[in-house]
Amino acid sequence: MAKTKASKPASKAPAAPPEEAKAEAKSNVMSIRGTAAWKAWLDRYAARRRVTATALIDQVLAEAAQRDGFEMPPPRF
């Protein structure tokens, strides 16, 4: 007589996130196209400031806004 595999219990569907979490969901805001040389330059500059390239862009935009007398951006996260 052949053995049969025991069936796995049905897994529960993941709980839906609370409404607050949905409102705060992050999405991709932009993408920048560039050459490999430009990307390497960006990575070197970010490393010099000890941040990621994304954090560098965020910092530089905030600095430029402040310098121009424009309102500061809201937090990214």
Protein backbone atom coordinates (compact mmCIF):
# COMPACT_ATOMS: atom_id res chain seq x y z
CA MET A 1 0.00 0.00 0.00
CA ALA A 2 1.42 3.40 -1.00
CA LYS A 3 1.99 6.03 1.61
CA THR A 4 0.21 9.33 1.18
CA LYS A 5 1.60 12.65 2.27
CA ALA A 6 -0.17 14.39 5.09
CA SER A 7 -1.78 17.52 3.81
CA LYS A 8 -0.43 20.80 5.13
CA PRO A 9 -2.77 22.92 7.18
CA ALA A 10 -4.12 25.85 5.23
CA SER A 11 -2.00 28.91 5.92
CA LYS A 12 -3.70 32.07 7.02
CA ALA A 13 -3.71 35.01 4.66
CA PRO A 14 -1.48 37.84 5.89
CA ALA A 15 -3.32 40.41 7.93
CA ALA A 16 -4.13 43.60 6.08
CA PRO A 17 -2.03 46.54 7.27
CA PRO A 18 -3.82 49.16 9.34
CA GLU A 19 -5.16 52.17 7.50
CA GLU A 20 -2.41 54.35 8.99
CA ALA A 21 0.28 52.17 7.42
CA LYS A 22 -1.44 52.32 4.03
CA ALA A 23 -1.46 56.12 4.15
CA GLU A 24 2.25 56.15 4.95
CA ALA A 25 3.27 53.63 2.29
CA LYS A 26 6.38 54.70 0.41
CA SER A 27 6.71 54.54 -3.33
CA ASN A 28 9.42 55.18 -5.85
CA VAL A 29 9.47 58.95 -6.38
CA MET A 30 11.93 59.26 -9.23
CA SER A 31 14.61 57.56 -11.26
CA ILE A 32 17.71 59.25 -12.66
CA ARG A 33 19.32 58.08 -15.86
CA GLY A 34 23.04 58.60 -16.27
CA THR A 35 26.28 57.17 -17.54
CA ALA A 36 28.38 54.68 -15.63
CA ALA A 37 30.98 57.42 -15.13
CA TRP A 38 28.37 59.73 -13.59
CA LYS A 39 27.15 56.95 -11.28
CA ALA A 40 30.73 56.25 -10.18
CA TRP A 41 31.22 59.97 -9.48
CA LEU A 42 27.98 60.09 -7.47
CA ASP A 43 28.99 57.04 -5.45
CA ARG A 44 32.44 58.54 -4.70
CA TYR A 45 30.94 61.84 -3.59
CA ALA A 46 28.36 60.07 -1.42
CA ALA A 47 31.12 57.95 0.14
CA ARG A 48 33.10 61.09 0.92
CA ARG A 49 30.06 62.44 2.81
CA ARG A 50 29.58 58.99 4.39
CA VAL A 51 26.03 58.51 3.11
CA THR A 52 24.28 56.57 0.35
CA ALA A 53 23.71 58.18 -3.02
CA THR A 54 20.00 58.48 -2.21
CA ALA A 55 20.70 60.16 1.14
CA LEU A 56 23.18 62.50 -0.56
CA ILE A 57 20.54 63.63 -3.07
CA ASP A 58 18.07 64.15 -0.21
CA GLN A 59 20.62 66.21 1.77
CA VAL A 60 21.71 68.33 -1.18
CA LEU A 61 18.11 69.12 -2.15
CA ALA A 62 17.35 70.20 1.44
CA GLU A 63 20.50 72.38 1.48
CA ALA A 64 19.58 73.98 -1.85
CA ALA A 65 16.01 74.66 -0.68
CA GLN A 66 17.29 76.30 2.50
CA ARG A 67 19.83 78.37 0.56
CA ASP A 68 17.08 79.54 -1.82
CA GLY A 69 14.77 80.50 1.04
CA PHE A 70 12.35 77.72 0.11
CA GLU A 71 10.52 75.61 2.67
CA MET A 72 12.35 72.56 3.97
CA PRO A 73 11.15 69.24 2.59
CA PRO A 74 9.16 66.86 4.77
CA PRO A 75 11.04 63.79 6.07
CA ARG A 76 11.50 61.11 3.44
CA PHE A 77 10.58 58.34 5.90
